[in-house]
Amino acid sequence: MRFQEVVLRPVVTEKSTIARELANVVTLAVNPNANKAQIKEAVESIWQVDVLEVRTSRMPRKTRRVGKFKGRKSEWKKAMVTLAEGQSIEFYEGV
């Protein structure tokens, strides 16, 4: 799996912003088939940072309604990546 296929997008929420500021933890949406070693290798190679720890969790499907139509959002995987002290990822600056 290529590195660009592992990391899908950043997750910017109030909780992830607080974790980034207090503990230098970056939250990313990743490929559901990627494991922790692949996530660590992808983050280190894409942004040239040192990763100390990777925690993952699977986010469940959610039911959504628009009028009388009912649908489901797909399941996705979230990774909380702890970076070494003094390092950061540029796309989060100014968010």
N, C-alpha and C. Protein backbone atom coordinates (compact mmCIF):
# COMPACT_ATOMS: atom_id res chain seq x y z
N MET A 1 0.84 -1.18 0.00
CA MET A 1 0.00 0.00 0.00
C MET A 1 0.89 1.25 0.00
N ARG A 2 0.60 2.20 -0.89
CA ARG A 2 1.38 3.44 -0.96
C ARG A 2 1.05 4.33 0.22
N PHE A 3 1.99 5.23 0.56
CA PHE A 3 1.80 6.10 1.71
C PHE A 3 0.60 7.03 1.53
N GLN A 4 0.36 7.48 0.30
CA GLN A 4 -0.76 8.38 0.04
C GLN A 4 -2.10 7.66 0.19
N GLU A 5 -2.11 6.35 0.09
CA GLU A 5 -3.33 5.58 0.26
C GLU A 5 -3.61 5.28 1.73
N VAL A 6 -2.60 5.39 2.57
CA VAL A 6 -2.77 5.09 4.00
C VAL A 6 -3.46 6.26 4.70
N VAL A 7 -2.92 7.47 4.55
CA VAL A 7 -3.46 8.65 5.21
C VAL A 7 -4.46 9.31 4.27
N LEU A 8 -5.72 9.43 4.71
CA LEU A 8 -6.77 9.98 3.86
C LEU A 8 -6.97 11.48 4.06
N ARG A 9 -7.14 11.91 5.32
CA ARG A 9 -7.38 13.32 5.59
C ARG A 9 -7.18 13.59 7.07
N PRO A 10 -6.97 14.86 7.44
CA PRO A 10 -6.91 15.19 8.87
C PRO A 10 -8.32 15.26 9.45
N VAL A 11 -8.42 15.00 10.73
CA VAL A 11 -9.69 15.14 11.44
C VAL A 11 -9.56 16.36 12.34
N VAL A 12 -10.31 17.41 12.00
CA VAL A 12 -10.23 18.66 12.75
C VAL A 12 -11.54 18.83 13.53
N THR A 13 -11.48 18.53 14.80
CA THR A 13 -12.61 18.71 15.70
C THR A 13 -12.10 19.45 16.94
N GLU A 14 -13.00 19.81 17.81
CA GLU A 14 -12.60 20.51 19.02
C GLU A 14 -11.70 19.61 19.88
N LYS A 15 -12.07 18.35 19.99
CA LYS A 15 -11.29 17.42 20.80
C LYS A 15 -9.90 17.17 20.21
N SER A 16 -9.81 17.03 18.89
CA SER A 16 -8.50 16.80 18.26
C SER A 16 -7.61 18.04 18.33
N THR A 17 -8.21 19.22 18.28
CA THR A 17 -7.43 20.46 18.40
C THR A 17 -6.85 20.60 19.79
N ILE A 18 -7.62 20.27 20.81
CA ILE A 18 -7.11 20.33 22.18
C ILE A 18 -5.99 19.32 22.38
N ALA A 19 -6.14 18.11 21.84
CA ALA A 19 -5.10 17.09 21.97
C ALA A 19 -3.82 17.52 21.25
N ARG A 20 -3.96 18.20 20.12
CA ARG A 20 -2.79 18.68 19.38
C ARG A 20 -2.05 19.74 20.18
N GLU A 21 -2.79 20.64 20.82
CA GLU A 21 -2.16 21.72 21.57
C GLU A 21 -1.53 21.23 22.88
N LEU A 22 -2.19 20.33 23.58
CA LEU A 22 -1.70 19.90 24.90
C LEU A 22 -0.70 18.76 24.84
N ALA A 23 -0.92 17.78 23.96
CA ALA A 23 -0.09 16.57 23.99
C ALA A 23 0.64 16.30 22.68
N ASN A 24 0.56 17.21 21.70
CA ASN A 24 1.22 17.05 20.40
C ASN A 24 0.74 15.78 19.69
N VAL A 25 -0.59 15.56 19.72
CA VAL A 25 -1.21 14.40 19.09
C VAL A 25 -1.97 14.88 17.86
N VAL A 26 -1.68 14.27 16.71
CA VAL A 26 -2.34 14.60 15.45
C VAL A 26 -3.37 13.51 15.16
N THR A 27 -4.59 13.91 14.80
CA THR A 27 -5.66 12.96 14.51
C THR A 27 -5.89 12.91 13.01
N LEU A 28 -5.86 11.69 12.44
CA LEU A 28 -6.00 11.50 11.01
C LEU A 28 -7.02 10.41 10.70
N ALA A 29 -7.72 10.57 9.59
CA ALA A 29 -8.55 9.49 9.06
C ALA A 29 -7.65 8.67 8.16
N VAL A 30 -7.63 7.36 8.36
CA VAL A 30 -6.73 6.49 7.62
C VAL A 30 -7.50 5.37 6.94
N ASN A 31 -6.83 4.67 6.07
CA ASN A 31 -7.41 3.52 5.37
C ASN A 31 -7.77 2.45 6.40
N PRO A 32 -8.99 1.91 6.34
CA PRO A 32 -9.40 0.90 7.33
C PRO A 32 -8.54 -0.36 7.32
N ASN A 33 -7.83 -0.64 6.23
CA ASN A 33 -7.00 -1.83 6.15
C ASN A 33 -5.57 -1.59 6.64
N ALA A 34 -5.21 -0.36 6.95
CA ALA A 34 -3.84 -0.04 7.38
C ALA A 34 -3.65 -0.41 8.84
N ASN A 35 -2.45 -0.92 9.15
CA ASN A 35 -2.14 -1.24 10.54
C ASN A 35 -1.26 -0.13 11.13
N LYS A 36 -0.93 -0.24 12.41
CA LYS A 36 -0.20 0.81 13.10
C LYS A 36 1.19 1.04 12.51
N ALA A 37 1.87 -0.02 12.11
CA ALA A 37 3.21 0.12 11.54
C ALA A 37 3.15 0.86 10.20
N GLN A 38 2.15 0.56 9.38
CA GLN A 38 2.01 1.26 8.10
C GLN A 38 1.66 2.73 8.31
N ILE A 39 0.83 3.02 9.29
CA ILE A 39 0.46 4.41 9.58
C ILE A 39 1.68 5.18 10.05
N LYS A 40 2.46 4.60 10.95
CA LYS A 40 3.67 5.26 11.45
C LYS A 40 4.64 5.53 10.33
N GLU A 41 4.89 4.56 9.48
CA GLU A 41 5.82 4.72 8.36
C GLU A 41 5.33 5.78 7.38
N ALA A 42 4.03 5.82 7.11
CA ALA A 42 3.47 6.79 6.17
C ALA A 42 3.60 8.21 6.71
N VAL A 43 3.26 8.43 7.98
CA VAL A 43 3.34 9.77 8.57
C VAL A 43 4.78 10.25 8.61
N GLU A 44 5.70 9.37 8.99
CA GLU A 44 7.11 9.75 9.05
C GLU A 44 7.66 10.10 7.68
N SER A 45 7.27 9.38 6.64
CA SER A 45 7.82 9.64 5.31
C SER A 45 7.16 10.84 4.63
N ILE A 46 5.87 11.05 4.85
CA ILE A 46 5.18 12.17 4.19
C ILE A 46 5.59 13.51 4.79
N TRP A 47 5.64 13.61 6.13
CA TRP A 47 5.89 14.89 6.77
C TRP A 47 7.26 14.99 7.45
N GLN A 48 8.12 14.00 7.35
CA GLN A 48 9.46 14.00 7.93
C GLN A 48 9.43 14.40 9.41
N VAL A 49 8.63 13.68 10.19
CA VAL A 49 8.53 13.87 11.64
C VAL A 49 8.82 12.54 12.32
N ASP A 50 9.10 12.60 13.62
CA ASP A 50 9.31 11.39 14.42
C ASP A 50 8.02 11.03 15.14
N VAL A 51 7.54 9.81 14.94
CA VAL A 51 6.31 9.34 15.57
C VAL A 51 6.67 8.49 16.78
N LEU A 52 6.10 8.84 17.94
CA LEU A 52 6.36 8.10 19.15
C LEU A 52 5.34 6.98 19.37
N GLU A 53 4.07 7.25 19.03
CA GLU A 53 3.01 6.29 19.33
C GLU A 53 1.88 6.47 18.32
N VAL A 54 1.21 5.36 18.00
CA VAL A 54 0.04 5.39 17.14
C VAL A 54 -1.08 4.63 17.84
N ARG A 55 -2.22 5.29 18.02
CA ARG A 55 -3.41 4.65 18.57
C ARG A 55 -4.49 4.69 17.50
N THR A 56 -5.21 3.61 17.32
CA THR A 56 -6.24 3.55 16.29
C THR A 56 -7.58 3.15 16.89
N SER A 57 -8.64 3.55 16.21
CA SER A 57 -9.98 3.12 16.59
C SER A 57 -10.85 3.11 15.35
N ARG A 58 -11.77 2.18 15.31
CA ARG A 58 -12.73 2.09 14.20
C ARG A 58 -13.98 2.84 14.59
N MET A 59 -14.36 3.78 13.73
CA MET A 59 -15.56 4.56 13.97
C MET A 59 -16.74 3.85 13.32
N PRO A 60 -17.84 3.68 14.05
CA PRO A 60 -18.95 2.86 13.55
C PRO A 60 -19.76 3.56 12.46
N ARG A 61 -20.57 2.75 11.77
CA ARG A 61 -21.52 3.30 10.79
C ARG A 61 -22.55 4.14 11.52
N LYS A 62 -23.05 5.17 10.84
CA LYS A 62 -24.11 5.99 11.42
C LYS A 62 -25.25 6.10 10.42
N THR A 63 -26.46 6.07 10.93
CA THR A 63 -27.64 6.21 10.08
C THR A 63 -27.97 7.68 9.92
N ARG A 64 -28.24 8.08 8.69
CA ARG A 64 -28.60 9.46 8.37
C ARG A 64 -29.92 9.47 7.64
N ARG A 65 -30.71 10.54 7.87
CA ARG A 65 -32.00 10.70 7.20
C ARG A 65 -32.02 12.03 6.48
N VAL A 66 -32.59 12.02 5.28
CA VAL A 66 -32.90 13.24 4.55
C VAL A 66 -34.35 13.09 4.11
N GLY A 67 -35.24 13.73 4.83
CA GLY A 67 -36.67 13.56 4.55
C GLY A 67 -37.10 12.14 4.86
N LYS A 68 -37.72 11.50 3.89
CA LYS A 68 -38.18 10.13 4.12
C LYS A 68 -37.12 9.08 3.75
N PHE A 69 -36.01 9.54 3.19
CA PHE A 69 -34.96 8.61 2.75
C PHE A 69 -33.97 8.36 3.88
N LYS A 70 -33.63 7.11 4.06
CA LYS A 70 -32.71 6.71 5.11
C LYS A 70 -31.47 6.11 4.47
N GLY A 71 -30.32 6.48 4.97
CA GLY A 71 -29.07 5.93 4.45
C GLY A 71 -28.09 5.71 5.58
N ARG A 72 -26.93 5.21 5.23
CA ARG A 72 -25.90 4.95 6.22
C ARG A 72 -24.58 5.51 5.76
N LYS A 73 -23.86 6.14 6.68
CA LYS A 73 -22.51 6.59 6.40
C LYS A 73 -21.58 5.39 6.57
N SER A 74 -20.51 5.38 5.84
CA SER A 74 -19.61 4.22 5.90
C SER A 74 -18.75 4.26 7.17
N GLU A 75 -18.27 3.10 7.54
CA GLU A 75 -17.38 2.95 8.67
C GLU A 75 -16.00 3.47 8.27
N TRP A 76 -15.25 4.08 9.21
CA TRP A 76 -13.92 4.58 8.91
C TRP A 76 -13.00 4.36 10.10
N LYS A 77 -11.71 4.54 9.87
CA LYS A 77 -10.71 4.29 10.91
C LYS A 77 -10.01 5.60 11.25
N LYS A 78 -9.83 5.84 12.54
CA LYS A 78 -9.19 7.05 13.03
C LYS A 78 -7.87 6.68 13.70
N ALA A 79 -6.83 7.47 13.45
CA ALA A 79 -5.53 7.24 14.06
C ALA A 79 -5.10 8.49 14.82
N MET A 80 -4.72 8.32 16.08
CA MET A 80 -4.17 9.40 16.88
C MET A 80 -2.66 9.16 16.96
N VAL A 81 -1.91 10.05 16.33
CA VAL A 81 -0.47 9.89 16.18
C VAL A 81 0.23 10.88 17.11
N THR A 82 1.05 10.37 18.03
CA THR A 82 1.81 11.22 18.94
C THR A 82 3.16 11.53 18.31
N LEU A 83 3.45 12.83 18.15
CA LEU A 83 4.70 13.27 17.55
C LEU A 83 5.73 13.58 18.63
N ALA A 84 7.00 13.57 18.24
CA ALA A 84 8.07 13.91 19.18
C ALA A 84 7.95 15.37 19.58
N GLU A 85 8.49 15.70 20.74
CA GLU A 85 8.39 17.06 21.26
C GLU A 85 9.08 18.05 20.34
N GLY A 86 8.42 19.16 20.09
CA GLY A 86 8.98 20.21 19.23
C GLY A 86 8.68 20.03 17.76
N GLN A 87 8.01 18.96 17.37
CA GLN A 87 7.68 18.73 15.96
C GLN A 87 6.19 18.93 15.74
N SER A 88 5.84 19.33 14.51
CA SER A 88 4.44 19.52 14.17
C SER A 88 4.25 19.25 12.69
N ILE A 89 3.00 19.16 12.27
CA ILE A 89 2.67 18.96 10.87
C ILE A 89 2.09 20.28 10.36
N GLU A 90 2.54 20.72 9.19
CA GLU A 90 2.27 22.07 8.71
C GLU A 90 0.81 22.37 8.41
N PHE A 91 0.02 21.39 7.97
CA PHE A 91 -1.36 21.72 7.60
C PHE A 91 -2.21 22.10 8.81
N TYR A 92 -1.75 21.83 10.03
CA TYR A 92 -2.49 22.20 11.21
C TYR A 92 -2.18 23.63 11.67
N GLU A 93 -1.11 24.23 11.20
CA GLU A 93 -0.74 25.57 11.66
C GLU A 93 -1.77 26.57 11.18
N GLY A 94 -2.30 27.37 12.10
CA GLY A 94 -3.28 28.40 11.77
C GLY A 94 -4.71 27.90 11.72
N VAL A 95 -4.96 26.65 12.13
CA VAL A 95 -6.33 26.11 12.10
C VAL A 95 -6.99 26.44 13.43
